[in-house]
C-alpha atoms as a PDB file:
ATOM      1  CA  MET A   1      16.050  19.701   3.322  1.00  0.00           C
ATOM      2  CA  ARG A   2      20.334  18.676   2.953  1.00  0.00           C
ATOM      3  CA  VAL A   3      22.157  17.687   0.015  1.00  0.00           C
ATOM      4  CA  ARG A   4      23.507  14.656   0.463  1.00  0.00           C
ATOM      5  CA  ALA A   5      26.975  13.482   0.765  1.00  0.00           C
ATOM      6  CA  LEU A   6      28.011  10.812  -1.132  1.00  0.00           C
ATOM      7  CA  PRO A   7      31.427   9.941  -1.238  1.00  0.00           C
ATOM      8  CA  PHE A   8      33.691   8.685  -4.517  1.00  0.00           C
ATOM      9  CA  THR A   9      34.820   5.279  -4.171  1.00  0.00           C
ATOM     10  CA  ALA A  10      37.821   4.173  -7.222  1.00  0.00           C
ATOM     11  CA  THR A  11      39.798   1.086  -8.267  1.00  0.00           C
ATOM     12  CA  ALA A  12      43.368   3.163  -8.309  1.00  0.00           C
ATOM     13  CA  LEU A  13      41.980   6.562  -6.978  1.00  0.00           C
ATOM     14  CA  THR A  14      40.496   7.498  -4.130  1.00  0.00           C
ATOM     15  CA  THR A  15      39.217  11.140  -3.264  1.00  0.00           C
ATOM     16  CA  SER A  16      35.683  12.235  -1.297  1.00  0.00           C
ATOM     17  CA  ALA A  17      33.185  14.033  -1.109  1.00  0.00           C
ATOM     18  CA  ALA A  18      31.971  15.893   1.788  1.00  0.00           C
ATOM     19  CA  LEU A  19      29.497  18.457   1.445  1.00  0.00           C
ATOM     20  CA  LEU A  20      26.548  19.904   3.221  1.00  0.00           C
ATOM     21  CA  LEU A  21      24.087  22.698   2.547  1.00  0.00           C
ATOM     22  CA  THR A  22      21.544  23.774   5.381  1.00  0.00           C
ATOM     23  CA  ALA A  23      19.238  24.718   2.172  1.00  0.00           C
ATOM     24  CA  CYS A  24      16.139  23.505   3.867  1.00  0.00           C
ATOM     25  CA  GLY A  25      17.299  22.566   7.470  1.00  0.00           C
ATOM     26  CA  GLY A  26      16.883  18.771   7.215  1.00  0.00           C
ATOM     27  CA  GLY A  27      13.502  19.751   7.112  1.00  0.00           C
ATOM     28  CA  ASP A  28      11.468  22.805   7.124  1.00  0.00           C
ATOM     29  CA  SER A  29      12.571  26.205   5.989  1.00  0.00           C
ATOM     30  CA  THR A  30       9.796  28.949   7.049  1.00  0.00           C
ATOM     31  CA  ASP A  31      10.042  33.063   5.948  1.00  0.00           C
ATOM     32  CA  ASP A  32       9.679  35.203   8.916  1.00  0.00           C
ATOM     33  CA  GLU A  33      10.082  38.688   7.422  1.00  0.00           C
ATOM     34  CA  LYS A  34       6.827  39.867   7.422  1.00  0.00           C
ATOM     35  CA  ARG A  35       4.643  41.434  10.425  1.00  0.00           C
ATOM     36  CA  PRO A  36       2.139  37.804  11.650  1.00  0.00           C
ATOM     37  CA  GLN A  37      -0.903  38.642  11.575  1.00  0.00           C
ATOM     38  CA  LYS A  38      -3.518  36.257  14.149  1.00  0.00           C
ATOM     39  CA  PRO A  39      -6.473  34.242  12.327  1.00  0.00           C
ATOM     40  CA  ALA A  40     -10.027  35.889  12.038  1.00  0.00           C
ATOM     41  CA  ALA A  41     -12.423  34.707  15.239  1.00  0.00           C
ATOM     42  CA  ALA A  42     -15.015  32.373  14.288  1.00  0.00           C
ATOM     43  CA  ASN A  43     -19.093  33.074  15.111  1.00  0.00           C
ATOM     44  CA  ALA A  44     -21.925  30.912  15.350  1.00  0.00           C
ATOM     45  CA  THR A  45     -22.167  28.548  12.199  1.00  0.00           C
ATOM     46  CA  ALA A  46     -24.977  29.180  10.423  1.00  0.00           C
ATOM     47  CA  ARG A  47     -23.963  26.479   8.139  1.00  0.00           C
ATOM     48  CA  ALA A  48     -22.621  23.392   9.740  1.00  0.00           C
ATOM     49  CA  GLY A  49     -18.570  22.840   8.155  1.00  0.00           C
ATOM     50  CA  VAL A  50     -17.218  19.381   7.468  1.00  0.00           C
ATOM     51  CA  VAL A  51     -16.367  19.301  11.586  1.00  0.00           C
ATOM     52  CA  ASP A  52     -17.038  21.336  14.445  1.00  0.00           C
ATOM     53  CA  ARG A  53     -14.202  22.054  16.519  1.00  0.00           C
ATOM     54  CA  ALA A  54     -14.998  19.974  19.335  1.00  0.00           C
ATOM     55  CA  GLU A  55     -14.422  17.155  17.133  1.00  0.00           C
ATOM     56  CA  ALA A  56     -11.582  19.179  15.036  1.00  0.00           C
ATOM     57  CA  ASN A  57     -10.099  19.034  18.999  1.00  0.00           C
ATOM     58  CA  ARG A  58     -10.687  15.463  19.413  1.00  0.00           C
ATOM     59  CA  ILE A  59      -9.557  14.346  15.865  1.00  0.00           C
ATOM     60  CA  VAL A  60      -6.496  16.163  16.703  1.00  0.00           C
ATOM     61  CA  ASP A  61      -6.012  14.684  20.779  1.00  0.00           C
ATOM     62  CA  HIS A  62      -6.093  11.450  19.253  1.00  0.00           C
ATOM     63  CA  TYR A  63      -3.685  11.790  16.300  1.00  0.00           C
ATOM     64  CA  GLU A  64      -1.264  12.835  19.541  1.00  0.00           C
ATOM     65  CA  LYS A  65      -2.111   9.901  21.494  1.00  0.00           C
ATOM     66  CA  VAL A  66      -1.422   7.279  18.171  1.00  0.00           C
ATOM     67  CA  ASN A  67       1.522   9.556  16.455  1.00  0.00           C
ATOM     68  CA  ASN A  68       3.171   9.536  19.797  1.00  0.00           C
ATOM     69  CA  ALA A  69       2.743   5.377  20.483  1.00  0.00           C
ATOM     70  CA  ALA A  70       3.918   4.747  16.940  1.00  0.00           C
ATOM     71  CA  ASN A  71       7.167   7.138  17.478  1.00  0.00           C
ATOM     72  CA  LYS A  72       8.198   5.023  20.171  1.00  0.00           C
ATOM     73  CA  ALA A  73       8.103   1.277  18.306  1.00  0.00           C
ATOM     74  CA  ARG A  74       8.166   3.167  15.174  1.00  0.00           C
ATOM     75  CA  ASN A  75       5.234   1.279  14.110  1.00  0.00           C
ATOM     76  CA  ALA A  76       4.199   2.650  10.708  1.00  0.00           C
ATOM     77  CA  LYS A  77       1.758   0.312  10.767  1.00  0.00           C
ATOM     78  CA  LEU A  78      -0.687   1.978  13.569  1.00  0.00           C
ATOM     79  CA  LEU A  79       0.691   5.397  12.432  1.00  0.00           C
ATOM     80  CA  SER A  80      -0.738   4.827   9.465  1.00  0.00           C
ATOM     81  CA  THR A  81      -4.133   4.935  11.739  1.00  0.00           C
ATOM     82  CA  VAL A  82      -3.857   8.394  12.123  1.00  0.00           C
ATOM     83  CA  GLU A  83      -2.211   9.828   8.880  1.00  0.00           C
ATOM     84  CA  GLY A  84      -1.840   9.582   5.354  1.00  0.00           C
ATOM     85  CA  GLY A  85      -0.441  10.684   2.350  1.00  0.00           C
ATOM     86  CA  ASN A  86       2.721  12.979   1.661  1.00  0.00           C
ATOM     87  CA  LEU A  87       3.126  12.986   5.971  1.00  0.00           C
ATOM     88  CA  LEU A  88       2.627   9.554   5.662  1.00  0.00           C
ATOM     89  CA  GLU A  89       5.613   9.055   3.500  1.00  0.00           C
ATOM     90  CA  ARG A  90       7.590  11.391   5.019  1.00  0.00           C
ATOM     91  CA  SER A  91       7.519  10.191   8.932  1.00  0.00           C
ATOM     92  CA  SER A  92       7.715   6.227   7.325  1.00  0.00           C
ATOM     93  CA  ALA A  93      11.306   7.080   5.979  1.00  0.00           C
ATOM     94  CA  ALA A  94      12.328   9.033   9.308  1.00  0.00           C
ATOM     95  CA  TYR A  95      11.433   5.604  10.703  1.00  0.00           C
ATOM     96  CA  GLU A  96      13.534   3.857   8.407  1.00  0.00           C
ATOM     97  CA  GLN A  97      16.744   5.442   8.915  1.00  0.00           C
ATOM     98  CA  PHE A  98      16.146   5.762  12.930  1.00  0.00           C
ATOM     99  CA  ALA A  99      19.340   4.360  13.476  1.00  0.00           C
ATOM    100  CA  THR A 100      21.360   6.776  11.412  1.00  0.00           C
ATOM    101  CA  MET A 101      20.213   9.462  13.485  1.00  0.00           C
ATOM    102  CA  SER A 102      22.274  10.438  16.221  1.00  0.00           C
ATOM    103  CA  ALA A 103      21.373   9.816  20.060  1.00  0.00           C
ATOM    104  CA  LYS A 104      20.625  13.213  20.517  1.00  0.00           C
ATOM    105  CA  ASP A 105      17.825  13.383  17.885  1.00  0.00           C
ATOM    106  CA  GLN A 106      16.876  10.246  18.583  1.00  0.00           C
ATOM    107  CA  LYS A 107      15.884  10.939  22.172  1.00  0.00           C
ATOM    108  CA  ALA A 108      14.131  14.084  20.985  1.00  0.00           C
ATOM    109  CA  TYR A 109      12.395  12.191  18.129  1.00  0.00           C
ATOM    110  CA  VAL A 110      10.205   9.647  20.518  1.00  0.00           C
ATOM    111  CA  LYS A 111       9.512  12.654  23.441  1.00  0.00           C
ATOM    112  CA  PRO A 112       5.924  13.076  23.209  1.00  0.00           C
ATOM    113  CA  PHE A 113       4.739  16.207  22.205  1.00  0.00           C
ATOM    114  CA  PHE A 114       1.126  17.443  22.012  1.00  0.00           C
ATOM    115  CA  TYR A 115      -0.518  20.760  20.120  1.00  0.00           C
ATOM    116  CA  LYS A 116      -1.690  23.954  21.609  1.00  0.00           C
ATOM    117  CA  GLU A 117      -3.104  27.250  21.004  1.00  0.00           C
ATOM    118  CA  ARG A 118      -4.643  25.552  18.748  1.00  0.00           C
ATOM    119  CA  THR A 119      -6.592  27.635  15.695  1.00  0.00           C
ATOM    120  CA  PHE A 120      -8.640  25.904  13.437  1.00  0.00           C
ATOM    121  CA  PHE A 121      -9.615  26.943   9.553  1.00  0.00           C
ATOM    122  CA  ILE A 122     -12.807  24.499   8.651  1.00  0.00           C
ATOM    123  CA  PRO A 123     -15.008  24.947   5.002  1.00  0.00           C
ATOM    124  CA  ALA A 124     -18.920  23.906   4.814  1.00  0.00           C
ATOM    125  CA  LYS A 125     -20.048  19.856   4.490  1.00  0.00           C
ATOM    126  CA  GLY A 126     -19.776  20.183   0.889  1.00  0.00           C
ATOM    127  CA  GLU A 127     -17.742  22.141   0.541  1.00  0.00           C
ATOM    128  CA  ALA A 128     -14.612  20.019   1.405  1.00  0.00           C
ATOM    129  CA  ASP A 129     -13.712  17.418   3.113  1.00  0.00           C
ATOM    130  CA  TRP A 130     -10.850  18.354   5.116  1.00  0.00           C
ATOM    131  CA  PHE A 131      -9.673  21.129   7.582  1.00  0.00           C
ATOM    132  CA  MET A 132      -6.594  23.158   8.806  1.00  0.00           C
ATOM    133  CA  PHE A 133      -5.136  23.902  12.342  1.00  0.00           C
ATOM    134  CA  THR A 134      -2.489  25.706  13.213  1.00  0.00           C
ATOM    135  CA  GLY A 135      -0.378  25.039  16.490  1.00  0.00           C
ATOM    136  CA  ARG A 136       2.173  25.347  18.680  1.00  0.00           C
ATOM    137  CA  SER A 137       3.507  22.066  19.232  1.00  0.00           C
ATOM    138  CA  THR A 138       5.635  21.627  22.928  1.00  0.00           C
ATOM    139  CA  ASP A 139       8.512  19.363  21.441  1.00  0.00           C
ATOM    140  CA  THR A 140       9.013  22.990  19.471  1.00  0.00           C
ATOM    141  CA  PRO A 141      11.548  25.105  21.987  1.00  0.00           C
ATOM    142  CA  GLU A 142      10.917  27.913  19.607  1.00  0.00           C
ATOM    143  CA  ALA A 143       7.643  30.158  19.691  1.00  0.00           C
ATOM    144  CA  ARG A 144       7.165  29.189  16.116  1.00  0.00           C
ATOM    145  CA  ARG A 145       3.569  27.515  14.901  1.00  0.00           C
ATOM    146  CA  SER A 146       3.035  24.714  12.575  1.00  0.00           C
ATOM    147  CA  LEU A 147       0.327  23.998  10.222  1.00  0.00           C
ATOM    148  CA  HIS A 148      -1.871  20.906   9.607  1.00  0.00           C
ATOM    149  CA  VAL A 149      -4.194  18.975   7.710  1.00  0.00           C
ATOM    150  CA  PHE A 150      -6.576  16.589   8.378  1.00  0.00           C
ATOM    151  CA  ASP A 151      -8.073  14.738   5.026  1.00  0.00           C
ATOM    152  CA  LYS A 152     -11.478  12.514   5.480  1.00  0.00           C
ATOM    153  CA  THR A 153     -10.542   8.896   4.391  1.00  0.00           C
ATOM    154  CA  LYS A 154     -13.166   5.803   4.123  1.00  0.00           C
ATOM    155  CA  ASP A 155     -11.273   4.639   7.166  1.00  0.00           C
ATOM    156  CA  GLY A 156     -11.142   7.899   9.341  1.00  0.00           C
ATOM    157  CA  TRP A 157      -9.381  10.967   9.744  1.00  0.00           C
ATOM    158  CA  ARG A 158      -5.743  10.643   8.940  1.00  0.00           C
ATOM    159  CA  MET A 159      -3.446  13.782   9.156  1.00  0.00           C
ATOM    160  CA  THR A 160      -1.897  14.142   5.397  1.00  0.00           C
ATOM    161  CA  VAL A 161       0.258  18.330   6.119  1.00  0.00           C
ATOM    162  CA  SER A 162       2.795  19.448   8.869  1.00  0.00           C
ATOM    163  CA  VAL A 163       4.569  22.351   7.448  1.00  0.00           C
ATOM    164  CA  ALA A 164       6.138  25.515   9.855  1.00  0.00           C
ATOM    165  CA  ALA A 165       4.160  27.935   9.640  1.00  0.00           C
ATOM    166  CA  GLY A 166       5.940  30.462  11.264  1.00  0.00           C
ATOM    167  CA  THR A 167       4.919  33.602  12.014  1.00  0.00           C
ATOM    168  CA  THR A 168       3.936  34.800   9.043  1.00  0.00           C
ATOM    169  CA  LEU A 169       0.244  33.406   8.197  1.00  0.00           C
ATOM    170  CA  PRO A 170      -2.150  35.353   6.148  1.00  0.00           C
ATOM    171  CA  LYS A 171      -5.420  35.432   7.940  1.00  0.00           C
ATOM    172  CA  ILE A 172      -8.107  33.542   6.755  1.00  0.00           C
ATOM    173  CA  ALA A 173     -11.077  34.801   5.689  1.00  0.00           C
ATOM    174  CA  THR A 174     -14.403  33.343   7.588  1.00  0.00           C
ATOM    175  CA  GLY A 175     -17.913  34.155   6.699  1.00  0.00           C
ATOM    176  CA  ALA A 176     -20.401  35.847   9.238  1.00  0.00           C
ATOM    177  CA  ASP A 177     -20.746  31.576  10.393  1.00  0.00           C
ATOM    178  CA  GLY A 178     -17.081  31.268  11.233  1.00  0.00           C
ATOM    179  CA  LEU A 179     -16.120  28.682   8.069  1.00  0.00           C
ATOM    180  CA  ALA A 180     -13.503  29.256   6.029  1.00  0.00           C
ATOM    181  CA  THR A 181     -13.738  28.885   2.090  1.00  0.00           C
ATOM    182  CA  PRO A 182     -11.575  26.532   0.133  1.00  0.00           C
ATOM    183  CA  VAL A 183      -9.943  27.503  -3.150  1.00  0.00           C
ATOM    184  CA  ALA A 184      -9.203  24.906  -6.316  1.00  0.00           C
ATOM    185  CA  ALA A 185      -6.361  23.669  -7.011  1.00  0.00           C
ATOM    186  CA  THR A 186      -6.378  25.098 -10.827  1.00  0.00           C
ATOM    187  CA  ALA A 187      -7.893  28.686  -9.587  1.00  0.00           C
ATOM    188  CA  ARG A 188      -6.370  31.446  -9.658  1.00  0.00           C
ATOM    189  CA  THR A 189      -5.726  34.348  -7.598  1.00  0.00           C
ATOM    190  CA  GLY A 190      -4.291  36.627  -9.549  1.00  0.00           C
ATOM    191  CA  ALA A 191      -2.138  35.569 -12.856  1.00  0.00           C
ATOM    192  CA  HIS A 192      -1.243  32.586 -10.799  1.00  0.00           C
ATOM    193  CA  ALA A 193      -3.218  29.359  -9.379  1.00  0.00           C
ATOM    194  CA  PRO A 194      -1.817  27.182  -6.315  1.00  0.00           C
ATOM    195  CA  ALA A 195      -1.163  24.235  -9.120  1.00  0.00           C
ATOM    196  CA  GLY A 196       1.704  25.844  -9.771  1.00  0.00           C
ATOM    197  CA  ILE A 197       3.633  26.586  -7.068  1.00  0.00           C
ATOM    198  CA  PRO A 198       5.622  23.128  -7.287  1.00  0.00           C
ATOM    199  CA  ASP A 199       7.205  23.336 -11.151  1.00  0.00           C
ATOM    200  CA  ALA A 200       7.639  27.182  -9.663  1.00  0.00           C
ATOM    201  CA  TYR A 201       9.313  25.888  -6.134  1.00  0.00           C
ATOM    202  CA  GLU A 202      11.199  23.067  -7.735  1.00  0.00           C
ATOM    203  CA  ASP A 203      12.749  25.429 -10.742  1.00  0.00           C
ATOM    204  CA  LEU A 204      14.858  27.572  -7.841  1.00  0.00           C
ATOM    205  CA  TRP A 205      16.455  24.195  -7.165  1.00  0.00           C
ATOM    206  CA  ALA A 206      16.872  22.646 -10.921  1.00  0.00           C
ATOM    207  CA  THR A 207      18.078  26.235 -12.721  1.00  0.00           C
ATOM    208  CA  GLY A 208      18.650  28.587  -9.938  1.00  0.00           C
ATOM    209  CA  GLY A 209      14.815  30.145 -10.446  1.00  0.00           C
ATOM    210  CA  ARG A 210      15.904  30.748 -14.727  1.00  0.00           C
ATOM    211  CA  LYS A 211      12.855  29.311 -15.356  1.00  0.00           C
ATOM    212  CA  ASP A 212       9.426  29.034 -13.607  1.00  0.00           C
ATOM    213  CA  GLY A 213      10.458  30.104 -10.753  1.00  0.00           C
ATOM    214  CA  LYS A 214      10.578  33.752 -11.697  1.00  0.00           C
ATOM    215  CA  ILE A 215       7.567  33.731 -10.768  1.00  0.00           C
ATOM    216  CA  LEU A 216       7.936  34.085  -6.994  1.00  0.00           C
ATOM    217  CA  ALA A 217       8.747  36.644  -4.814  1.00  0.00           C
ATOM    218  CA  ASP A 218      12.357  36.603  -3.587  1.00  0.00           C
ATOM    219  CA  ASN A 219      12.567  35.785   0.364  1.00  0.00           C
ATOM    220  CA  LYS A 220      14.553  33.837   2.605  1.00  0.00           C
ATOM    221  CA  VAL A 221      12.596  30.536   1.733  1.00  0.00           C
ATOM    222  CA  THR A 222      13.366  31.079  -2.143  1.00  0.00           C
ATOM    223  CA  ARG A 223      17.060  31.978  -1.692  1.00  0.00           C
ATOM    224  CA  GLU A 224      17.915  28.859   0.606  1.00  0.00           C
ATOM    225  CA  ALA A 225      16.621  26.770  -2.534  1.00  0.00           C
ATOM    226  CA  LYS A 226      18.316  28.508  -4.936  1.00  0.00           C
ATOM    227  CA  ASP A 227      21.552  28.181  -2.236  1.00  0.00           C
ATOM    228  CA  GLY A 228      21.661  24.527  -3.044  1.00  0.00           C
ATOM    229  CA  TYR A 229      21.536  24.539  -7.076  1.00  0.00           C
ATOM    230  CA  ARG A 230      24.488  27.404  -6.566  1.00  0.00           C
ATOM    231  CA  GLY A 231      25.993  25.194  -3.904  1.00  0.00           C
ATOM    232  CA  ARG A 232      25.409  21.178  -6.149  1.00  0.00           C
ATOM    233  CA  ASN A 233      28.581  21.165  -6.537  1.00  0.00           C
ATOM    234  CA  ASP A 234      30.509  21.922  -3.715  1.00  0.00           C
ATOM    235  CA  GLY A 235      32.912  19.316  -2.051  1.00  0.00           C
ATOM    236  CA  TRP A 236      33.284  17.890  -5.983  1.00  0.00           C
ATOM    237  CA  ASP A 237      36.135  17.998  -7.728  1.00  0.00           C
ATOM    238  CA  PRO A 238      33.815  18.839 -11.296  1.00  0.00           C
ATOM    239  CA  ARG A 239      36.861  16.628 -13.314  1.00  0.00           C
ATOM    240  CA  GLN A 240      35.275  13.890 -10.821  1.00  0.00           C
ATOM    241  CA  ALA A 241      31.930  14.445 -10.778  1.00  0.00           C
ATOM    242  CA  ARG A 242      28.670  16.102 -10.991  1.00  0.00           C
ATOM    243  CA  ARG A 243      25.325  16.531  -9.166  1.00  0.00           C
ATOM    244  CA  TYR A 244      22.342  18.564  -9.889  1.00  0.00           C
ATOM    245  CA  PHE A 245      18.478  18.057  -9.259  1.00  0.00           C
ATOM    246  CA  LEU A 246      15.503  17.110 -11.324  1.00  0.00           C
ATOM    247  CA  ARG A 247      11.705  17.590 -10.865  1.00  0.00           C
ATOM    248  CA  SER A 248       9.756  14.490 -10.538  1.00  0.00           C
ATOM    249  CA  GLU A 249       6.259  13.991  -9.613  1.00  0.00           C
ATOM    250  CA  PRO A 250       5.140  13.336  -5.933  1.00  0.00           C
ATOM    251  CA  LYS A 251       3.772  10.171  -5.047  1.00  0.00           C
ATOM    252  CA  HIS A 252       0.550  12.081  -3.239  1.00  0.00           C
ATOM    253  CA  ARG A 253      -0.295  15.357  -4.980  1.00  0.00           C
ATOM    254  CA  ASP A 254      -3.069  16.807  -2.296  1.00  0.00           C
ATOM    255  CA  THR A 255      -3.358  20.646  -2.471  1.00  0.00           C
ATOM    256  CA  TYR A 256      -4.982  21.889  -0.201  1.00  0.00           C
ATOM    257  CA  ALA A 257      -6.331  25.805  -0.205  1.00  0.00           C
ATOM    258  CA  LEU A 258      -8.361  28.643   1.311  1.00  0.00           C
ATOM    259  CA  LYS A 259      -9.509  32.353   0.537  1.00  0.00           C
ATOM    260  CA  THR A 260      -7.286  34.502   2.180  1.00  0.00           C
ATOM    261  CA  ALA A 261      -8.453  37.674   3.870  1.00  0.00           C
ATOM    262  CA  ASP A 262      -6.789  39.982   1.647  1.00  0.00           C
ATOM    263  CA  GLY A 263      -8.459  37.910  -1.349  1.00  0.00           C
ATOM    264  CA  GLY A 264      -5.926  36.073  -2.248  1.00  0.00           C
ATOM    265  CA  THR A 265      -5.449  32.230  -1.193  1.00  0.00           C
ATOM    266  CA  LEU A 266      -3.658  30.653   1.017  1.00  0.00           C
ATOM    267  CA  ALA A 267      -1.903  26.839  -0.145  1.00  0.00           C
ATOM    268  CA  VAL A 268      -0.393  23.368   0.132  1.00  0.00           C
ATOM    269  CA  VAL A 269       1.585  22.081  -2.516  1.00  0.00           C
ATOM    270  CA  PRO A 270       3.240  18.870  -3.157  1.00  0.00           C
ATOM    271  CA  LEU A 271       7.039  18.811  -3.796  1.00  0.00           C
ATOM    272  CA  ALA A 272       9.327  16.388  -5.420  1.00  0.00           C
ATOM    273  CA  HIS A 273      12.978  16.544  -6.874  1.00  0.00           C
ATOM    274  CA  GLN A 274      15.581  14.208  -7.501  1.00  0.00           C
ATOM    275  CA  GLN A 275      19.274  14.677  -6.385  1.00  0.00           C
ATOM    276  CA  ILE A 276      21.620  13.518  -9.187  1.00  0.00           C
ATOM    277  CA  SER A 277      24.982  12.980  -8.543  1.00  0.00           C
ATOM    278  CA  ARG A 278      26.998  10.819 -11.301  1.00  0.00           C
ATOM    279  CA  VAL A 279      30.587  10.567 -11.951  1.00  0.00           C
ATOM    280  CA  LEU A 280      32.694  11.433 -15.698  1.00  0.00           C
ATOM    281  CA  HIS A 281      34.564   8.085 -15.685  1.00  0.00           C
ATOM    282  CA  GLY A 282      34.663   4.778 -15.717  1.00  0.00           C
ATOM    283  CA  GLY A 283      36.848   4.041 -12.091  1.00  0.00           C
ATOM    284  CA  LEU A 284      34.913   5.963  -9.921  1.00  0.00           C
ATOM    285  CA  GLN A 285      32.272   4.908  -8.021  1.00  0.00           C
ATOM    286  CA  ILE A 286      29.387   6.799  -5.938  1.00  0.00           C
ATOM    287  CA  THR A 287      29.672   5.427  -2.061  1.00  0.00           C
ATOM    288  CA  PRO A 288      25.528   5.704  -0.472  1.00  0.00           C
ATOM    289  CA  ASP A 289      25.803   7.459   2.682  1.00  0.00           C
ATOM    290  CA  ALA A 290      24.224   4.777   6.233  1.00  0.00           C
ATOM    291  CA  GLU A 291      21.157   6.922   4.682  1.00  0.00           C
ATOM    292  CA  GLY A 292      21.329   6.175   1.486  1.00  0.00           C
ATOM    293  CA  LYS A 293      22.746   2.658   2.370  1.00  0.00           C
ATOM    294  CA  ILE A 294      19.154   1.603   3.930  1.00  0.00           C
ATOM    295  CA  TYR A 295      17.848   1.866   0.156  1.00  0.00           C
ATOM    296  CA  ASP A 296      20.507   1.241  -1.977  1.00  0.00           C
ATOM    297  CA  PRO A 297      23.791  -0.200  -0.451  1.00  0.00           C
ATOM    298  CA  ARG A 298      26.238  -0.392  -3.827  1.00  0.00           C
ATOM    299  CA  PRO A 299      28.782   1.543  -4.923  1.00  0.00           C
ATOM    300  CA  ARG A 300      27.583   2.760  -8.711  1.00  0.00           C
ATOM    301  CA  ALA A 301      28.143   5.478 -10.556  1.00  0.00           C
ATOM    302  CA  ILE A 302      25.158   7.565 -10.636  1.00  0.00           C
ATOM    303  CA  VAL A 303      23.704   7.824  -7.519  1.00  0.00           C
ATOM    304  CA  ILE A 304      19.403   8.966  -7.593  1.00  0.00           C
ATOM    305  CA  ASP A 305      18.088  10.095  -3.679  1.00  0.00           C
ATOM    306  CA  ASP A 306      14.627  11.191  -4.266  1.00  0.00           C
ATOM    307  CA  PHE A 307      13.693  13.813  -2.021  1.00  0.00           C
ATOM    308  CA  HIS A 308       9.659  14.729  -1.380  1.00  0.00           C
ATOM    309  CA  GLY A 309       7.919  16.986   0.449  1.00  0.00           C
ATOM    310  CA  GLN A 310       5.728  20.021   0.959  1.00  0.00           C
ATOM    311  CA  ALA A 311       5.032  24.361   0.226  1.00  0.00           C
ATOM    312  CA  LEU A 312       3.103  26.770   2.283  1.00  0.00           C
ATOM    313  CA  THR A 313       2.427  29.956  -0.261  1.00  0.00           C
ATOM    314  CA  HIS A 314       0.180  32.951  -0.427  1.00  0.00           C
ATOM    315  CA  LEU A 315      -1.021  33.771  -3.899  1.00  0.00           C
ATOM    316  CA  PRO A 316      -2.401  37.606  -3.397  1.00  0.00           C
ATOM    317  CA  PRO A 317      -4.635  39.094  -5.305  1.00  0.00           C
ATOM    318  CA  THR A 318      -1.497  40.516  -7.088  1.00  0.00           C
ATOM    319  CA  GLY A 319       2.242  40.140  -7.127  1.00  0.00           C
ATOM    320  CA  LYS A 320       4.127  37.325  -6.896  1.00  0.00           C
ATOM    321  CA  PRO A 321       3.521  34.261  -4.709  1.00  0.00           C
ATOM    322  CA  ARG A 322       5.686  34.421  -2.214  1.00  0.00           C
ATOM    323  CA  VAL A 323       5.944  30.692  -0.297  1.00  0.00           C
ATOM    324  CA  LEU A 324       5.903  30.440   3.928  1.00  0.00           C
ATOM    325  CA  ALA A 325       7.656  27.430   3.623  1.00  0.00           C
ATOM    326  CA  ALA A 326       9.379  24.300   2.383  1.00  0.00           C
ATOM    327  CA  ARG A 327       9.567  20.908   4.016  1.00  0.00           C
ATOM    328  CA  TYR A 328      11.052  18.150   2.732  1.00  0.00           C
ATOM    329  CA  GLU A 329      12.345  14.746   3.307  1.00  0.00           C
ATOM    330  CA  PHE A 330      14.564  12.512   1.795  1.00  0.00           C
ATOM    331  CA  VAL A 331      12.914   9.132   0.746  1.00  0.00           C
ATOM    332  CA  ASP A 332      14.418   6.221  -1.951  1.00  0.00           C
ATOM    333  CA  SER A 333      17.719   6.173  -3.054  1.00  0.00           C
ATOM    334  CA  HIS A 334      18.705   3.873  -6.308  1.00  0.00           C
END
């Protein structure tokens, strides 16, 4: 995520603020500080999965085809036939902001992509209505994986999660039948539950981790969020304006979690915060940038930008939870 740069305008005073922090790199922040582990191999199934691997591959193939067509036309309605939840919200925002991208980024965005080296983590039918998979996208030059979730709705399967997996994904526990075990959002692994991670991670942005954020292990991802907090007012004259981050409620709150081989939990949780920029004196205003003007073009004393996203976290049986990746998108301004 980047901290948005918003210039001042004034009746008799002209000042400007330029700030660009690559706290989450425009999208993903990942932690690659641990040795990679390969996912567990599937055995012959004794129970039926929510899907079998052949069907899961067909679902991914269909998603690729429709997503590539939707990206080319920036057709959110078409995309909604294969995406949902948090991910669709972020993708739709990217479509709205497409004209503000550089020509290079626009070209990369509409280039067709496909997932290779797929590994599926499938719960048993009746235990969950979703499945996870990891893969390497052909539009990513680095040898990095991403993690995705397909959730079953009344209208069919929808991808609702897309986060970087890096090389740090812990091994997923599977039974003799090769099926993964889902974990409830409120179920504790050691001292913590997936449901507590959003407040902890957003506290890194809001306070630098002085409160709820203390429960999280220190790594690259958490340090980048803390950097965003510390640099929130860089480029601003503190006598004229201030910026801060405030935890907010995500529009889509789904959490997806699986048991790991170490007795822990791998969870994808929702994220949301507001970046609030405000002037301190009358006569000053903040002018939205090109992306912000899409949602509200008015120069004003207070600009509130909404960022929604998801985090991938490993909760070990002992010790602090480790945020492996976090991804936000700018989705609204008012």
